[in-house]
Amino acid sequence: MTQAYSELGHKLSETPGLLWKIWIENSNDGETGGIYLFEDVSSLDTFLTEHITRLKSLAI
């Protein structure tokens, strides 16, 4: 997971308003996710708009 998401991790570290993200993984069931903390709702809204667009481009 570290190698697979390295590029995404670096991009996330530059996300305005994102204070931290905790990566989670259930390798037995092939599930991944994360817990995010943003400094304000505006930063979260901006992130969600960009994140949803990125996921749609990957057909997710």
PDB file of N, CA and C in Angstrom:
ATOM      1  N   MET A   1       0.824  -1.180   0.000  1.00  0.00           N
ATOM      2  CA  MET A   1       0.000   0.000   0.000  1.00  0.00           C
ATOM      3  C   MET A   1       0.878   1.257   0.000  1.00  0.00           C
ATOM      4  N   THR A   2       1.981   1.218   0.708  1.00  0.00           N
ATOM      5  CA  THR A   2       2.871   2.375   0.761  1.00  0.00           C
ATOM      6  C   THR A   2       3.356   2.744  -0.626  1.00  0.00           C
ATOM      7  N   GLN A   3       3.789   1.763  -1.392  1.00  0.00           N
ATOM      8  CA  GLN A   3       4.273   2.037  -2.745  1.00  0.00           C
ATOM      9  C   GLN A   3       3.131   2.438  -3.671  1.00  0.00           C
ATOM     10  N   ALA A   4       2.012   1.735  -3.573  1.00  0.00           N
ATOM     11  CA  ALA A   4       0.891   1.976  -4.476  1.00  0.00           C
ATOM     12  C   ALA A   4       0.319   3.382  -4.320  1.00  0.00           C
ATOM     13  N   TYR A   5       0.333   3.914  -3.113  1.00  0.00           N
ATOM     14  CA  TYR A   5      -0.286   5.211  -2.854  1.00  0.00           C
ATOM     15  C   TYR A   5       0.720   6.314  -2.545  1.00  0.00           C
ATOM     16  N   SER A   6       1.982   6.086  -2.837  1.00  0.00           N
ATOM     17  CA  SER A   6       3.019   7.069  -2.548  1.00  0.00           C
ATOM     18  C   SER A   6       2.755   8.400  -3.258  1.00  0.00           C
ATOM     19  N   GLU A   7       2.468   8.342  -4.546  1.00  0.00           N
ATOM     20  CA  GLU A   7       2.219   9.563  -5.307  1.00  0.00           C
ATOM     21  C   GLU A   7       0.993  10.302  -4.768  1.00  0.00           C
ATOM     22  N   LEU A   8      -0.070   9.554  -4.480  1.00  0.00           N
ATOM     23  CA  LEU A   8      -1.278  10.161  -3.923  1.00  0.00           C
ATOM     24  C   LEU A   8      -0.983  10.790  -2.560  1.00  0.00           C
ATOM     25  N   GLY A   9      -0.182  10.112  -1.754  1.00  0.00           N
ATOM     26  CA  GLY A   9       0.175  10.643  -0.438  1.00  0.00           C
ATOM     27  C   GLY A   9       0.884  11.980  -0.539  1.00  0.00           C
ATOM     28  N   HIS A  10       1.793  12.098  -1.495  1.00  0.00           N
ATOM     29  CA  HIS A  10       2.503  13.367  -1.688  1.00  0.00           C
ATOM     30  C   HIS A  10       1.544  14.461  -2.150  1.00  0.00           C
ATOM     31  N   LYS A  11       0.635  14.093  -3.045  1.00  0.00           N
ATOM     32  CA  LYS A  11      -0.347  15.077  -3.513  1.00  0.00           C
ATOM     33  C   LYS A  11      -1.253  15.512  -2.358  1.00  0.00           C
ATOM     34  N   LEU A  12      -1.677  14.564  -1.552  1.00  0.00           N
ATOM     35  CA  LEU A  12      -2.526  14.902  -0.408  1.00  0.00           C
ATOM     36  C   LEU A  12      -1.824  15.833   0.572  1.00  0.00           C
ATOM     37  N   SER A  13      -0.521  15.664   0.723  1.00  0.00           N
ATOM     38  CA  SER A  13       0.224  16.498   1.672  1.00  0.00           C
ATOM     39  C   SER A  13       0.222  17.964   1.253  1.00  0.00           C
ATOM     40  N   GLU A  14      -0.120  18.238   0.006  1.00  0.00           N
ATOM     41  CA  GLU A  14      -0.184  19.608  -0.502  1.00  0.00           C
ATOM     42  C   GLU A  14      -1.612  20.149  -0.555  1.00  0.00           C
ATOM     43  N   THR A  15      -2.568  19.377  -0.050  1.00  0.00           N
ATOM     44  CA  THR A  15      -3.969  19.776  -0.081  1.00  0.00           C
ATOM     45  C   THR A  15      -4.222  20.908   0.913  1.00  0.00           C
ATOM     46  N   PRO A  16      -4.670  22.064   0.416  1.00  0.00           N
ATOM     47  CA  PRO A  16      -4.951  23.178   1.327  1.00  0.00           C
ATOM     48  C   PRO A  16      -6.011  22.806   2.368  1.00  0.00           C
ATOM     49  N   GLY A  17      -5.713  23.059   3.618  1.00  0.00           N
ATOM     50  CA  GLY A  17      -6.659  22.824   4.694  1.00  0.00           C
ATOM     51  C   GLY A  17      -6.662  21.421   5.268  1.00  0.00           C
ATOM     52  N   LEU A  18      -5.966  20.480   4.629  1.00  0.00           N
ATOM     53  CA  LEU A  18      -5.899  19.122   5.159  1.00  0.00           C
ATOM     54  C   LEU A  18      -4.817  19.069   6.232  1.00  0.00           C
ATOM     55  N   LEU A  19      -5.235  18.768   7.456  1.00  0.00           N
ATOM     56  CA  LEU A  19      -4.287  18.726   8.569  1.00  0.00           C
ATOM     57  C   LEU A  19      -3.624  17.359   8.688  1.00  0.00           C
ATOM     58  N   TRP A  20      -4.408  16.280   8.511  1.00  0.00           N
ATOM     59  CA  TRP A  20      -3.832  14.943   8.521  1.00  0.00           C
ATOM     60  C   TRP A  20      -4.796  13.941   7.922  1.00  0.00           C
ATOM     61  N   LYS A  21      -4.253  12.798   7.536  1.00  0.00           N
ATOM     62  CA  LYS A  21      -5.039  11.660   7.063  1.00  0.00           C
ATOM     63  C   LYS A  21      -4.431  10.412   7.683  1.00  0.00           C
ATOM     64  N   ILE A  22      -5.291   9.566   8.195  1.00  0.00           N
ATOM     65  CA  ILE A  22      -4.864   8.259   8.690  1.00  0.00           C
ATOM     66  C   ILE A  22      -5.310   7.234   7.653  1.00  0.00           C
ATOM     67  N   TRP A  23      -4.331   6.497   7.083  1.00  0.00           N
ATOM     68  CA  TRP A  23      -4.639   5.464   6.103  1.00  0.00           C
ATOM     69  C   TRP A  23      -5.062   4.203   6.845  1.00  0.00           C
ATOM     70  N   ILE A  24      -6.093   3.536   6.340  1.00  0.00           N
ATOM     71  CA  ILE A  24      -6.540   2.268   6.932  1.00  0.00           C
ATOM     72  C   ILE A  24      -6.622   1.213   5.826  1.00  0.00           C
ATOM     73  N   GLU A  25      -6.349  -0.037   6.197  1.00  0.00           N
ATOM     74  CA  GLU A  25      -6.383  -1.115   5.212  1.00  0.00           C
ATOM     75  C   GLU A  25      -6.790  -2.416   5.888  1.00  0.00           C
ATOM     76  N   ASN A  26      -7.680  -3.138   5.240  1.00  0.00           N
ATOM     77  CA  ASN A  26      -8.036  -4.490   5.634  1.00  0.00           C
ATOM     78  C   ASN A  26      -7.555  -5.385   4.489  1.00  0.00           C
ATOM     79  N   SER A  27      -6.336  -5.868   4.602  1.00  0.00           N
ATOM     80  CA  SER A  27      -5.751  -6.654   3.513  1.00  0.00           C
ATOM     81  C   SER A  27      -6.463  -7.989   3.316  1.00  0.00           C
ATOM     82  N   ASN A  28      -7.091  -8.507   4.354  1.00  0.00           N
ATOM     83  CA  ASN A  28      -7.820  -9.776   4.220  1.00  0.00           C
ATOM     84  C   ASN A  28      -9.004  -9.652   3.269  1.00  0.00           C
ATOM     85  N   ASP A  29      -9.683  -8.494   3.320  1.00  0.00           N
ATOM     86  CA  ASP A  29     -10.859  -8.287   2.478  1.00  0.00           C
ATOM     87  C   ASP A  29     -10.606  -7.338   1.312  1.00  0.00           C
ATOM     88  N   GLY A  30      -9.354  -6.844   1.187  1.00  0.00           N
ATOM     89  CA  GLY A  30      -9.012  -5.944   0.094  1.00  0.00           C
ATOM     90  C   GLY A  30      -9.674  -4.581   0.203  1.00  0.00           C
ATOM     91  N   GLU A  31      -9.898  -4.113   1.422  1.00  0.00           N
ATOM     92  CA  GLU A  31     -10.541  -2.823   1.637  1.00  0.00           C
ATOM     93  C   GLU A  31      -9.532  -1.795   2.136  1.00  0.00           C
ATOM     94  N   THR A  32      -9.684  -0.567   1.654  1.00  0.00           N
ATOM     95  CA  THR A  32      -8.824   0.524   2.111  1.00  0.00           C
ATOM     96  C   THR A  32      -9.683   1.757   2.350  1.00  0.00           C
ATOM     97  N   GLY A  33      -9.126   2.703   3.069  1.00  0.00           N
ATOM     98  CA  GLY A  33      -9.850   3.946   3.323  1.00  0.00           C
ATOM     99  C   GLY A  33      -8.983   4.901   4.097  1.00  0.00           C
ATOM    100  N   GLY A  34      -9.619   5.883   4.683  1.00  0.00           N
ATOM    101  CA  GLY A  34      -8.870   6.851   5.455  1.00  0.00           C
ATOM    102  C   GLY A  34      -9.768   7.714   6.311  1.00  0.00           C
ATOM    103  N   ILE A  35      -9.163   8.308   7.304  1.00  0.00           N
ATOM    104  CA  ILE A  35      -9.828   9.261   8.180  1.00  0.00           C
ATOM    105  C   ILE A  35      -9.096  10.587   7.984  1.00  0.00           C
ATOM    106  N   TYR A  36      -9.843  11.613   7.638  1.00  0.00           N
ATOM    107  CA  TYR A  36      -9.267  12.912   7.303  1.00  0.00           C
ATOM    108  C   TYR A  36      -9.659  13.955   8.346  1.00  0.00           C
ATOM    109  N   LEU A  37      -8.778  14.921   8.571  1.00  0.00           N
ATOM    110  CA  LEU A  37      -9.101  16.083   9.400  1.00  0.00           C
ATOM    111  C   LEU A  37      -8.773  17.337   8.603  1.00  0.00           C
ATOM    112  N   PHE A  38      -9.789  18.170   8.387  1.00  0.00           N
ATOM    113  CA  PHE A  38      -9.626  19.443   7.694  1.00  0.00           C
ATOM    114  C   PHE A  38      -9.780  20.584   8.679  1.00  0.00           C
ATOM    115  N   GLU A  39      -9.133  21.710   8.384  1.00  0.00           N
ATOM    116  CA  GLU A  39      -9.191  22.845   9.291  1.00  0.00           C
ATOM    117  C   GLU A  39     -10.524  23.581   9.225  1.00  0.00           C
ATOM    118  N   ASP A  40     -11.275  23.409   8.116  1.00  0.00           N
ATOM    119  CA  ASP A  40     -12.584  24.057   8.010  1.00  0.00           C
ATOM    120  C   ASP A  40     -13.424  23.372   6.932  1.00  0.00           C
ATOM    121  N   VAL A  41     -14.703  23.686   6.925  1.00  0.00           N
ATOM    122  CA  VAL A  41     -15.640  23.064   5.985  1.00  0.00           C
ATOM    123  C   VAL A  41     -15.328  23.465   4.543  1.00  0.00           C
ATOM    124  N   SER A  42     -14.904  24.690   4.347  1.00  0.00           N
ATOM    125  CA  SER A  42     -14.571  25.152   2.993  1.00  0.00           C
ATOM    126  C   SER A  42     -13.456  24.304   2.373  1.00  0.00           C
ATOM    127  N   SER A  43     -12.428  24.013   3.159  1.00  0.00           N
ATOM    128  CA  SER A  43     -11.325  23.171   2.666  1.00  0.00           C
ATOM    129  C   SER A  43     -11.826  21.769   2.339  1.00  0.00           C
ATOM    130  N   LEU A  44     -12.705  21.237   3.179  1.00  0.00           N
ATOM    131  CA  LEU A  44     -13.279  19.915   2.938  1.00  0.00           C
ATOM    132  C   LEU A  44     -14.086  19.916   1.647  1.00  0.00           C
ATOM    133  N   ASP A  45     -14.938  20.926   1.461  1.00  0.00           N
ATOM    134  CA  ASP A  45     -15.763  20.992   0.251  1.00  0.00           C
ATOM    135  C   ASP A  45     -14.910  21.035  -1.015  1.00  0.00           C
ATOM    136  N   THR A  46     -13.850  21.829  -1.000  1.00  0.00           N
ATOM    137  CA  THR A  46     -12.952  21.909  -2.144  1.00  0.00           C
ATOM    138  C   THR A  46     -12.305  20.553  -2.413  1.00  0.00           C
ATOM    139  N   PHE A  47     -11.831  19.899  -1.358  1.00  0.00           N
ATOM    140  CA  PHE A  47     -11.209  18.581  -1.492  1.00  0.00           C
ATOM    141  C   PHE A  47     -12.199  17.577  -2.075  1.00  0.00           C
ATOM    142  N   LEU A  48     -13.423  17.553  -1.541  1.00  0.00           N
ATOM    143  CA  LEU A  48     -14.415  16.579  -2.009  1.00  0.00           C
ATOM    144  C   LEU A  48     -14.729  16.767  -3.487  1.00  0.00           C
ATOM    145  N   THR A  49     -14.862  17.996  -3.925  1.00  0.00           N
ATOM    146  CA  THR A  49     -15.134  18.269  -5.343  1.00  0.00           C
ATOM    147  C   THR A  49     -14.012  17.711  -6.212  1.00  0.00           C
ATOM    148  N   GLU A  50     -12.767  17.969  -5.836  1.00  0.00           N
ATOM    149  CA  GLU A  50     -11.621  17.480  -6.615  1.00  0.00           C
ATOM    150  C   GLU A  50     -11.497  15.953  -6.528  1.00  0.00           C
ATOM    151  N   HIS A  51     -11.724  15.395  -5.334  1.00  0.00           N
ATOM    152  CA  HIS A  51     -11.584  13.955  -5.114  1.00  0.00           C
ATOM    153  C   HIS A  51     -12.644  13.177  -5.904  1.00  0.00           C
ATOM    154  N   ILE A  52     -13.871  13.655  -5.886  1.00  0.00           N
ATOM    155  CA  ILE A  52     -14.955  12.986  -6.619  1.00  0.00           C
ATOM    156  C   ILE A  52     -14.674  13.024  -8.123  1.00  0.00           C
ATOM    157  N   THR A  53     -14.181  14.151  -8.621  1.00  0.00           N
ATOM    158  CA  THR A  53     -13.829  14.261 -10.032  1.00  0.00           C
ATOM    159  C   THR A  53     -12.736  13.257 -10.396  1.00  0.00           C
ATOM    160  N   ARG A  54     -11.717  13.136  -9.521  1.00  0.00           N
ATOM    161  CA  ARG A  54     -10.618  12.197  -9.769  1.00  0.00           C
ATOM    162  C   ARG A  54     -11.134  10.761  -9.780  1.00  0.00           C
ATOM    163  N   LEU A  55     -11.984  10.407  -8.825  1.00  0.00           N
ATOM    164  CA  LEU A  55     -12.511   9.049  -8.764  1.00  0.00           C
ATOM    165  C   LEU A  55     -13.366   8.720  -9.986  1.00  0.00           C
ATOM    166  N   LYS A  56     -14.171   9.674 -10.421  1.00  0.00           N
ATOM    167  CA  LYS A  56     -14.988   9.460 -11.618  1.00  0.00           C
ATOM    168  C   LYS A  56     -14.107   9.235 -12.844  1.00  0.00           C
ATOM    169  N   SER A  57     -12.971   9.924 -12.921  1.00  0.00           N
ATOM    170  CA  SER A  57     -12.079   9.740 -14.068  1.00  0.00           C
ATOM    171  C   SER A  57     -11.451   8.355 -14.073  1.00  0.00           C
ATOM    172  N   LEU A  58     -11.417   7.705 -12.888  1.00  0.00           N
ATOM    173  CA  LEU A  58     -10.905   6.343 -12.776  1.00  0.00           C
ATOM    174  C   LEU A  58     -12.012   5.294 -12.844  1.00  0.00           C
ATOM    175  N   ALA A  59     -13.231   5.756 -13.148  1.00  0.00           N
ATOM    176  CA  ALA A  59     -14.416   4.902 -13.238  1.00  0.00           C
ATOM    177  C   ALA A  59     -14.754   4.252 -11.902  1.00  0.00           C
ATOM    178  N   ILE A  60     -14.533   4.992 -10.835  1.00  0.00           N
ATOM    179  CA  ILE A  60     -14.863   4.489  -9.481  1.00  0.00           C
ATOM    180  C   ILE A  60     -16.109   5.204  -9.000  1.00  0.00           C
TER     181      ILE A  60
END
